[in-house]
Amino acid sequence: MKKTVMIMAIALVGSFAHAATIENWQMNDDPGTDLKDLNNSAGTAKWYVARTNLQTDGSGNLHITQGANLFNGANLSTTDVTSGIYELAVTYSAADMTDGDIAGGSVGFSFRHDSAVVAERHDLAIIKLVKRNGELRLEALGSGPAVTLYDFNATVLPDTLAVRAVLNLDTDLVDVYYSIGGAAEVSTLGIAASDGELDQVRTAFQVVSPDFGATSYVDVDQVTLSVIPEPATLGLIALSGVGLLVARRFHM
C-alpha cells in the first residue's frame, strides 16, 4: 500500500508540473490576417501594428517578408511581473534568406520590460533567427553579447525549428532549448538576462531592405508564453499530496 500511495502522489505532482499557457498565437487565422488581428487563444496580449509584409498565409503560419522593421510589444494579460519562471516558445516552420545582405536580417521575439519612462524600456532576453556571415543562425541575447546556439551553415532553414526560452525572473538567467525537425532538444543553460519586470512579448523583426532581400521570408508557426511552476511550489504540492493520501490510507 505504501508503494501505491507514493505512485499516486507522484502522479499528482506530475499533473501540476506542466507549464500553464497564458498567451497563445497559433497563426491559424484566415489568409491575410494582419499581425495586430491575430487570435490569442489564451490571453489578451496583442500587437497593435498592421503591415502587409506580416500576414498569415492560411496554412498556419505568419508569413514575414521584406518591409519596414518592427519592434513592437504586446502587453501581457498580467504585467509588472517580478518573479517566477516563464517560457517563451517559438516555432519557425520555414525560412529562406538567400537574398539580401550577408548579415543583418532577423526575425525574433523577446521578453520585454515596458515603462512610462522610455529610457527604462528594454528586452530581458531575445531569441532570434538571424543571418550572419551569409548563414542562418539561431541566437540568444540577454545582458551580454549575443550567443550563437546553432549555425545552420546555409541560408535556408532545413526543417522546422522549435525554440523554447525559459526565463527565471528570480535569478535573471535564461535557458534555451531547441529542436530541429523534431529531433531531441539541445540546450544552452544559464545565459545572463537583463534585470527588470516582465510586461510584454515583443517582436524583433529586422526585415528592411537591404538586410532582408526581395525574396527573403520567414514563416512562424506559433508563439506562446507560459508560466512554469517553481520547484518549491511543486515540493509543497508533493507534500500535500502525500499527506492527503496517507491520511486517507489511515482512515480506511
Protein backbone atom coordinates (compact mmCIF):
# COMPACT_ATOMS: atom_id res chain seq x y z
CA MET A 1 0.00 0.00 0.00
CA LYS A 2 2.88 2.40 0.70
CA LYS A 3 4.09 1.95 -2.88
CA THR A 4 0.62 2.68 -4.19
CA VAL A 5 0.40 5.86 -2.12
CA MET A 6 3.78 7.09 -3.40
CA ILE A 7 2.91 6.38 -7.04
CA MET A 8 -0.36 8.26 -6.67
CA ALA A 9 1.47 11.20 -5.09
CA ILE A 10 3.99 11.33 -7.93
CA ALA A 11 1.14 11.26 -10.43
CA LEU A 12 -0.49 14.12 -8.55
CA VAL A 13 2.68 16.20 -8.74
CA GLY A 14 3.05 15.43 -12.45
CA SER A 15 -0.41 16.72 -13.18
CA PHE A 16 0.62 20.13 -11.81
CA ALA A 17 4.14 20.19 -13.27
CA HIS A 18 3.16 21.24 -16.77
CA ALA A 19 3.53 24.84 -17.88
CA ALA A 20 0.32 26.86 -17.99
CA THR A 21 -0.09 28.78 -21.26
CA ILE A 22 -1.03 32.42 -20.68
CA GLU A 23 -0.60 33.86 -24.21
CA ASN A 24 -1.05 31.73 -27.34
CA TRP A 25 -0.81 32.67 -31.01
CA GLN A 26 -1.16 29.61 -33.29
CA MET A 27 -1.39 31.55 -36.59
CA ASN A 28 -4.44 29.56 -37.72
CA ASP A 29 -6.26 32.72 -38.75
CA ASP A 30 -7.74 33.36 -42.19
CA PRO A 31 -5.28 34.14 -45.00
CA GLY A 32 -4.11 37.75 -45.00
CA THR A 33 -4.80 38.35 -41.29
CA ASP A 34 -2.61 41.20 -40.03
CA LEU A 35 -0.28 40.83 -37.08
CA LYS A 36 -2.49 43.07 -34.95
CA ASP A 37 -5.55 40.89 -35.61
CA LEU A 38 -4.01 37.51 -34.76
CA ASN A 39 -6.13 35.40 -32.47
CA ASN A 40 -4.68 34.91 -28.98
CA SER A 41 -6.50 31.86 -27.65
CA ALA A 42 -5.17 32.09 -24.09
CA GLY A 43 -4.76 35.72 -23.07
CA THR A 44 -5.34 39.35 -24.01
CA ALA A 45 -1.89 40.33 -25.34
CA LYS A 46 -1.86 41.66 -28.89
CA TRP A 47 0.38 43.63 -31.21
CA TYR A 48 -1.07 46.91 -32.47
CA VAL A 49 0.58 47.07 -35.88
CA ALA A 50 -0.76 46.16 -39.33
CA ARG A 51 1.76 45.51 -42.10
CA THR A 52 1.21 43.90 -45.49
CA ASN A 53 4.53 42.04 -45.09
CA LEU A 54 3.39 40.46 -41.80
CA GLN A 55 0.28 38.40 -42.52
CA THR A 56 -0.95 34.85 -42.14
CA ASP A 57 -0.74 32.53 -45.14
CA GLY A 58 -3.81 30.41 -44.41
CA SER A 59 -1.64 27.36 -43.69
CA GLY A 60 -0.98 28.06 -40.03
CA ASN A 61 1.93 30.46 -40.43
CA LEU A 62 2.70 34.13 -40.02
CA HIS A 63 4.49 34.88 -43.31
CA ILE A 64 7.15 37.55 -42.85
CA THR A 65 8.68 39.22 -45.91
CA GLN A 66 10.69 42.33 -46.76
CA GLY A 67 9.32 45.58 -45.37
CA ALA A 68 9.74 48.03 -42.51
CA ASN A 69 11.42 46.74 -39.37
CA LEU A 70 9.10 46.03 -36.47
CA PHE A 71 9.95 46.23 -32.78
CA ASN A 72 6.54 46.16 -31.13
CA GLY A 73 5.48 44.92 -27.70
CA ALA A 74 2.27 43.09 -26.88
CA ASN A 75 1.23 43.87 -23.32
CA LEU A 76 0.69 40.67 -21.35
CA SER A 77 -2.59 39.83 -19.66
CA THR A 78 -0.71 40.40 -16.37
CA THR A 79 2.07 42.98 -16.36
CA ASP A 80 4.68 44.14 -13.82
CA VAL A 81 5.71 40.53 -13.15
CA THR A 82 8.78 40.46 -10.89
CA SER A 83 9.26 36.78 -10.04
CA GLY A 84 8.62 33.29 -11.35
CA ILE A 85 9.67 31.18 -14.33
CA TYR A 86 8.30 31.91 -17.79
CA GLU A 87 8.70 30.08 -21.09
CA LEU A 88 8.61 31.79 -24.48
CA ALA A 89 8.19 29.19 -27.24
CA VAL A 90 8.53 29.96 -30.94
CA THR A 91 8.33 27.57 -33.90
CA TYR A 92 9.87 28.57 -37.22
CA SER A 93 8.34 26.37 -39.91
CA ALA A 94 10.39 27.69 -42.86
CA ALA A 95 12.90 30.39 -43.79
CA ASP A 96 14.92 31.47 -46.81
CA MET A 97 17.39 34.34 -46.50
CA THR A 98 19.43 33.56 -49.60
CA ASP A 99 18.64 37.03 -50.88
CA GLY A 100 19.65 40.22 -49.05
CA ASP A 101 22.73 41.37 -47.17
CA ILE A 102 25.35 38.96 -45.93
CA ALA A 103 24.34 39.93 -42.41
CA GLY A 104 21.52 41.79 -40.71
CA GLY A 105 18.17 40.15 -41.49
CA SER A 106 16.50 38.57 -38.46
CA VAL A 107 13.16 37.52 -37.01
CA GLY A 108 12.98 37.17 -33.25
CA PHE A 109 10.84 37.53 -30.14
CA SER A 110 11.69 38.75 -26.68
CA PHE A 111 10.66 39.00 -23.05
CA ARG A 112 10.25 42.76 -22.59
CA HIS A 113 10.17 45.25 -19.74
CA ASP A 114 7.94 48.21 -20.51
CA SER A 115 7.88 51.55 -18.72
CA ALA A 116 6.33 55.00 -18.95
CA VAL A 117 9.93 56.21 -18.97
CA VAL A 118 11.27 55.49 -22.45
CA ALA A 119 14.88 55.15 -21.28
CA GLU A 120 13.89 52.33 -18.92
CA ARG A 121 12.32 50.11 -21.58
CA HIS A 122 14.46 47.12 -22.51
CA ASP A 123 14.46 43.47 -23.53
CA LEU A 124 15.18 40.92 -20.81
CA ALA A 125 16.14 38.23 -23.32
CA ILE A 126 15.71 37.72 -27.08
CA ILE A 127 15.67 34.59 -29.24
CA LYS A 128 16.02 35.09 -32.97
CA LEU A 129 16.74 33.50 -36.32
CA VAL A 130 19.37 35.73 -37.91
CA LYS A 131 21.67 35.86 -40.92
CA ARG A 132 25.36 36.21 -40.02
CA ASN A 133 28.28 35.93 -42.41
CA GLY A 134 25.94 34.68 -45.11
CA GLU A 135 24.46 31.87 -42.96
CA LEU A 136 21.38 31.35 -40.83
CA ARG A 137 21.98 31.14 -37.10
CA LEU A 138 19.87 30.72 -34.01
CA GLU A 139 20.92 33.27 -31.41
CA ALA A 140 20.01 34.33 -27.90
CA LEU A 141 20.71 37.74 -26.45
CA GLY A 142 20.50 38.70 -22.80
CA SER A 143 22.51 41.24 -20.85
CA GLY A 144 25.76 40.31 -22.62
CA PRO A 145 26.88 39.64 -26.19
CA ALA A 146 24.73 37.52 -28.49
CA VAL A 147 25.16 33.76 -28.01
CA THR A 148 25.16 31.58 -31.12
CA LEU A 149 23.10 28.49 -30.29
CA TYR A 150 23.29 26.85 -33.70
CA ASP A 151 24.86 27.68 -37.08
CA PHE A 152 22.91 26.14 -39.96
CA ASN A 153 25.73 26.70 -42.47
CA ALA A 154 23.03 27.53 -45.01
CA THR A 155 20.65 30.33 -45.95
CA VAL A 156 17.58 28.08 -46.00
CA LEU A 157 16.14 26.51 -42.88
CA PRO A 158 16.43 22.73 -43.43
CA ASP A 159 13.46 21.77 -41.29
CA THR A 160 11.12 23.04 -38.61
CA LEU A 161 12.92 24.82 -35.76
CA ALA A 162 11.22 24.79 -32.36
CA VAL A 163 12.75 27.03 -29.70
CA ARG A 164 11.95 27.43 -26.00
CA ALA A 165 13.48 30.18 -23.87
CA VAL A 166 12.90 29.69 -20.14
CA LEU A 167 13.43 32.87 -18.12
CA ASN A 168 13.83 32.78 -14.34
CA LEU A 169 12.98 36.26 -13.08
CA ASP A 170 14.40 35.46 -9.64
CA THR A 171 17.87 34.53 -10.89
CA ASP A 172 17.90 36.63 -14.10
CA LEU A 173 19.03 33.62 -16.09
CA VAL A 174 17.54 32.16 -19.28
CA ASP A 175 17.85 28.58 -20.51
CA VAL A 176 17.27 27.96 -24.21
CA TYR A 177 16.19 24.64 -25.73
CA TYR A 178 15.82 23.98 -29.44
CA SER A 179 14.88 21.10 -31.70
CA ILE A 180 15.37 20.80 -35.47
CA GLY A 181 12.93 18.61 -37.38
CA GLY A 182 11.53 17.07 -34.22
CA ALA A 183 14.88 15.72 -33.04
CA ALA A 184 15.85 15.62 -29.37
CA GLU A 185 16.19 19.03 -27.80
CA VAL A 186 19.59 20.65 -27.40
CA SER A 187 20.08 23.15 -24.60
CA THR A 188 22.23 26.11 -23.67
CA LEU A 189 21.77 26.94 -20.00
CA GLY A 190 22.42 29.90 -17.74
CA ILE A 191 22.54 32.80 -20.20
CA ALA A 192 22.51 36.07 -18.25
CA ALA A 193 19.29 38.01 -18.80
CA SER A 194 18.73 41.70 -18.16
CA ASP A 195 17.05 42.59 -14.88
CA GLY A 196 13.54 44.01 -14.94
CA GLU A 197 9.83 43.31 -14.74
CA LEU A 198 8.13 41.21 -17.40
CA ASP A 199 5.43 43.18 -19.20
CA GLN A 200 5.43 42.21 -22.87
CA VAL A 201 6.24 39.73 -25.59
CA ARG A 202 7.99 41.82 -28.22
CA THR A 203 8.63 41.33 -31.92
CA ALA A 204 12.20 41.91 -33.10
CA PHE A 205 11.91 41.86 -36.90
CA GLN A 206 14.88 43.25 -38.85
CA VAL A 207 13.40 42.86 -42.32
CA VAL A 208 14.08 46.18 -44.01
CA SER A 209 15.88 46.32 -47.37
CA PRO A 210 18.74 45.60 -47.97
CA ASP A 211 19.05 43.42 -44.83
CA PHE A 212 16.10 41.35 -46.00
CA GLY A 213 16.06 40.58 -49.72
CA ALA A 214 13.07 40.89 -52.03
CA THR A 215 12.58 37.10 -51.95
CA SER A 216 13.57 36.54 -48.32
CA TYR A 217 10.95 35.20 -45.94
CA VAL A 218 10.44 33.57 -42.55
CA ASP A 219 7.34 31.59 -41.56
CA VAL A 220 6.44 31.44 -37.87
CA ASP A 221 4.07 28.64 -36.90
CA GLN A 222 3.34 29.60 -33.31
CA VAL A 223 4.33 31.85 -30.41
CA THR A 224 3.33 31.05 -26.83
CA LEU A 225 4.13 32.35 -23.37
CA SER A 226 3.68 30.05 -20.40
CA VAL A 227 4.30 30.13 -16.67
CA ILE A 228 6.17 27.18 -15.17
CA PRO A 229 5.58 26.04 -11.57
CA GLU A 230 8.69 26.63 -9.48
CA PRO A 231 10.42 23.70 -7.73
CA ALA A 232 9.40 24.96 -4.29
CA THR A 233 5.75 25.03 -5.36
CA LEU A 234 5.99 21.50 -6.74
CA GLY A 235 7.55 20.37 -3.47
CA LEU A 236 4.62 21.73 -1.49
CA ILE A 237 2.21 20.04 -3.87
CA ALA A 238 4.06 16.76 -3.40
CA LEU A 239 3.99 17.01 0.39
CA SER A 240 0.33 17.98 0.47
CA GLY A 241 -0.50 15.19 -1.95
CA VAL A 242 1.32 12.58 0.11
CA GLY A 243 -0.28 13.92 3.28
CA LEU A 244 -3.78 13.70 1.87
CA LEU A 245 -3.24 10.21 0.53
CA VAL A 246 -1.63 8.94 3.72
CA ALA A 247 -4.42 10.45 5.80
CA ARG A 248 -6.94 8.70 3.58
CA ARG A 249 -4.99 5.43 3.98
CA PHE A 250 -5.23 5.55 7.77
CA HIS A 251 -8.91 6.40 7.74
CA MET A 252 -9.85 3.46 5.51
